Amino acid sequence: MQEPQRRIRALHSESTVTVYQAYRPEIGLPAAREGRFPAVWKRDRMTWIKPSFLWMMYRCGWGAKDGQETVLAIDITRDGFEWALRNACLSSFTRGVHPDRAAWQRELRRAPARVQWDPERDLRLQALPYRSLQLGLSGEAVRRYADEWTVGIRDVTPLARDMHALVRSGDLDAAARLLPRERPYPVGDELVAHLQG
């Protein structure tokens, strides 16, 4: 069965969705230890969460990029994730979704969340012909994410390193067996219709 052009794929349970972020160790390690973001974590800037583990690996270079050495799996409530989707705006103007560029800019200024659809990645971090969700949170959404939605934080840097070593050695089957079991996230059309640009 062919993948749709845009789909939210995520590790999820009945009550949570797992998203990924990567930080320098001074933020990532205390966050994983305490299960919440430390005081040095900036609440006044946009933070991007990624339900796709491999897209996170592409973004952080398997945890090797400067400032992204600690890879976190953050379990958030499905209620919170869906609130962010309902209140999100596409990060770029899309004819047919927005009446005009000015209307999109007004919506973007008001929205506490924004969505980008970026090419999904394979184990070699090459682009695939379909896209996965990246969700940017700002203002009210950042506060809710840190204080209400987050129910657990795990350091998955060792997993990233183990998988990267397997990919480098050419053992893609073993690397694939370690991948988080991401499945299509069940969202109704009314939740994402405004985000299908």
Protein backbone atom coordinates (compact mmCIF):
# COMPACT_ATOMS: atom_id res chain seq x y z
CA MET A 1 0.00 0.00 0.00
CA GLN A 2 1.37 3.38 -0.99
CA GLU A 3 2.06 5.95 1.72
CA PRO A 4 -0.03 9.13 1.50
CA GLN A 5 1.94 12.28 0.71
CA ARG A 6 1.38 13.66 4.23
CA ARG A 7 0.76 11.57 7.31
CA ILE A 8 1.42 11.81 11.02
CA ARG A 9 3.43 8.74 11.98
CA ALA A 10 4.25 8.32 15.65
CA LEU A 11 4.84 5.94 18.50
CA HIS A 12 1.60 6.32 20.45
CA SER A 13 -0.55 4.68 23.08
CA GLU A 14 -4.16 5.25 24.05
CA SER A 15 -3.17 8.34 26.05
CA THR A 16 0.26 9.52 24.82
CA VAL A 17 2.28 10.39 21.73
CA THR A 18 6.08 10.21 21.65
CA VAL A 19 7.92 13.15 20.09
CA TYR A 20 11.65 13.77 19.79
CA GLN A 21 13.96 16.69 20.42
CA ALA A 22 17.75 17.00 20.73
CA TYR A 23 19.56 19.33 23.12
CA ARG A 24 22.98 20.04 24.51
CA PRO A 25 23.71 17.86 27.56
CA GLU A 26 23.18 20.72 30.06
CA ILE A 27 19.49 20.70 29.05
CA GLY A 28 18.91 17.14 27.86
CA LEU A 29 20.44 15.20 30.74
CA PRO A 30 18.59 17.04 33.57
CA ALA A 31 15.36 16.84 31.54
CA ALA A 32 15.64 13.06 31.27
CA ARG A 33 16.69 12.70 34.91
CA GLU A 34 13.91 14.90 36.33
CA GLY A 35 11.20 14.17 33.75
CA ARG A 36 10.74 17.89 33.10
CA PHE A 37 12.66 20.63 31.36
CA PRO A 38 15.21 22.45 33.54
CA ALA A 39 15.06 26.16 34.33
CA VAL A 40 17.66 26.96 31.63
CA TRP A 41 15.26 25.64 28.97
CA LYS A 42 13.88 28.68 27.16
CA ARG A 43 10.09 29.03 27.28
CA ASP A 44 10.08 32.26 25.29
CA ARG A 45 11.23 30.78 21.99
CA MET A 46 9.71 28.38 19.51
CA THR A 47 10.46 24.71 20.14
CA TRP A 48 10.00 22.08 17.42
CA ILE A 49 8.82 18.57 18.26
CA LYS A 50 9.11 15.68 15.84
CA PRO A 51 7.05 12.47 16.00
CA SER A 52 9.42 10.80 13.50
CA PHE A 53 12.52 9.24 15.09
CA LEU A 54 14.40 9.07 11.77
CA TRP A 55 13.60 12.69 10.92
CA MET A 56 15.06 13.60 14.33
CA MET A 57 18.15 11.54 13.50
CA TYR A 58 18.48 13.45 10.23
CA ARG A 59 18.12 16.77 12.04
CA CYS A 60 20.62 16.00 14.82
CA GLY A 61 23.02 13.78 12.85
CA TRP A 62 22.38 10.78 15.12
CA GLY A 63 23.14 13.01 18.11
CA ALA A 64 26.51 14.14 16.75
CA LYS A 65 25.68 17.75 15.82
CA ASP A 66 26.93 20.47 18.12
CA GLY A 67 24.23 21.46 20.61
CA GLN A 68 22.15 18.37 19.79
CA GLU A 69 24.18 15.67 21.51
CA THR A 70 21.37 14.46 23.83
CA VAL A 71 18.38 12.98 22.05
CA LEU A 72 15.16 12.92 24.06
CA ALA A 73 11.95 10.95 23.60
CA ILE A 74 9.19 13.00 25.20
CA ASP A 75 5.84 11.38 25.93
CA ILE A 76 3.06 13.95 25.77
CA THR A 77 -0.67 13.59 26.19
CA ARG A 78 -2.72 12.97 23.09
CA ASP A 79 -5.07 15.72 24.27
CA GLY A 80 -2.17 18.18 24.24
CA PHE A 81 -0.86 17.01 20.86
CA GLU A 82 -4.31 17.36 19.33
CA TRP A 83 -4.79 20.80 20.93
CA ALA A 84 -1.58 21.89 19.20
CA LEU A 85 -2.78 20.53 15.85
CA ARG A 86 -6.18 22.23 16.19
CA ASN A 87 -4.49 25.54 16.98
CA ALA A 88 -1.68 25.29 14.42
CA CYS A 89 -1.06 27.15 11.20
CA LEU A 90 1.05 25.98 8.26
CA SER A 91 4.54 27.49 8.46
CA SER A 92 4.41 28.64 4.85
CA PHE A 93 1.78 30.22 2.63
CA THR A 94 -0.14 27.66 0.60
CA ARG A 95 -2.48 28.72 -2.19
CA GLY A 96 -5.81 26.94 -1.82
CA VAL A 97 -5.46 26.59 1.95
CA HIS A 98 -5.11 30.31 2.72
CA PRO A 99 -7.20 32.95 0.93
CA ASP A 100 -4.11 35.10 0.43
CA ARG A 101 -0.64 35.77 1.85
CA ALA A 102 -1.89 38.51 4.22
CA ALA A 103 -4.52 36.18 5.72
CA TRP A 104 -1.85 33.49 6.25
CA GLN A 105 0.48 36.03 7.94
CA ARG A 106 -2.32 37.10 10.31
CA GLU A 107 -3.07 33.47 11.14
CA LEU A 108 0.64 32.74 11.67
CA ARG A 109 1.00 35.63 14.13
CA ARG A 110 -1.99 34.41 16.18
CA ALA A 111 -1.30 30.66 16.12
CA PRO A 112 0.55 29.18 19.12
CA ALA A 113 1.68 26.25 16.93
CA ARG A 114 2.84 25.77 13.37
CA VAL A 115 3.21 22.77 11.12
CA GLN A 116 5.80 21.83 8.53
CA TRP A 117 5.64 18.71 6.39
CA ASP A 118 9.20 17.58 5.71
CA PRO A 119 10.41 14.54 3.75
CA GLU A 120 10.47 11.40 5.89
CA ARG A 121 13.87 9.69 6.08
CA ASP A 122 15.13 6.14 5.68
CA LEU A 123 17.81 4.50 7.82
CA ARG A 124 20.55 6.13 5.72
CA LEU A 125 18.74 9.45 6.36
CA GLN A 126 17.93 9.83 2.67
CA ALA A 127 14.68 11.61 1.79
CA LEU A 128 11.64 9.43 1.09
CA PRO A 129 8.88 10.48 -1.35
CA TYR A 130 6.39 11.24 1.42
CA ARG A 131 6.34 13.69 4.30
CA SER A 132 6.12 13.64 8.08
CA LEU A 133 4.94 16.23 10.56
CA GLN A 134 7.15 18.69 12.42
CA LEU A 135 5.26 20.74 15.00
CA GLY A 136 6.54 24.11 16.22
CA LEU A 137 5.27 25.38 19.57
CA SER A 138 5.40 28.95 20.85
CA GLY A 139 3.77 31.10 23.53
CA GLU A 140 0.87 29.33 25.20
CA ALA A 141 1.70 26.03 23.45
CA VAL A 142 5.26 25.99 24.88
CA ARG A 143 3.96 26.55 28.40
CA ARG A 144 1.32 23.83 28.02
CA TYR A 145 3.92 21.45 26.54
CA ALA A 146 6.32 21.90 29.45
CA ASP A 147 3.82 22.14 32.31
CA GLU A 148 0.76 20.12 31.28
CA TRP A 149 1.34 17.80 28.33
CA THR A 150 4.71 16.22 29.14
CA VAL A 151 4.28 13.00 31.11
CA GLY A 152 7.73 11.47 30.62
CA ILE A 153 11.17 12.20 29.16
CA ARG A 154 13.72 9.53 28.22
CA ASP A 155 17.30 9.86 27.00
CA VAL A 156 17.44 7.84 23.77
CA THR A 157 20.96 8.92 22.80
CA PRO A 158 22.33 5.36 23.36
CA LEU A 159 19.67 4.04 20.96
CA ALA A 160 20.67 6.64 18.37
CA ARG A 161 24.34 5.69 18.69
CA ASP A 162 23.65 1.95 18.50
CA MET A 163 21.49 2.37 15.40
CA HIS A 164 24.03 4.66 13.76
CA ALA A 165 26.79 2.10 14.33
CA LEU A 166 24.65 -0.61 12.72
CA VAL A 167 23.82 1.61 9.74
CA ARG A 168 27.52 2.47 9.28
CA SER A 169 28.41 -1.22 9.36
CA GLY A 170 25.75 -1.95 6.73
CA ASP A 171 23.48 -3.98 9.01
CA LEU A 172 20.25 -2.20 8.11
CA ASP A 173 18.07 -5.13 9.20
CA ALA A 174 19.45 -4.99 12.75
CA ALA A 175 19.08 -1.19 12.78
CA ALA A 176 15.47 -1.49 11.60
CA ARG A 177 14.67 -3.88 14.45
CA LEU A 178 15.66 -1.14 16.93
CA LEU A 179 13.44 1.52 15.35
CA PRO A 180 10.53 2.78 17.47
CA ARG A 181 7.31 1.24 16.13
CA GLU A 182 5.72 4.32 14.61
CA ARG A 183 2.24 3.89 13.19
CA PRO A 184 -0.19 6.24 11.49
CA TYR A 185 -1.67 8.52 14.14
CA PRO A 186 -5.48 8.39 14.06
CA VAL A 187 -6.62 11.94 13.38
CA GLY A 188 -9.93 12.92 11.89
CA ASP A 189 -10.01 15.13 8.80
CA GLU A 190 -11.46 18.00 10.82
CA LEU A 191 -8.30 18.06 12.97
CA VAL A 192 -5.81 18.43 10.10
CA ALA A 193 -7.82 19.74 7.14
CA HIS A 194 -6.31 23.21 7.64
CA LEU A 195 -2.78 21.70 7.67
CA GLN A 196 -2.76 19.75 4.41
CA GLY A 197 -0.97 22.35 2.28
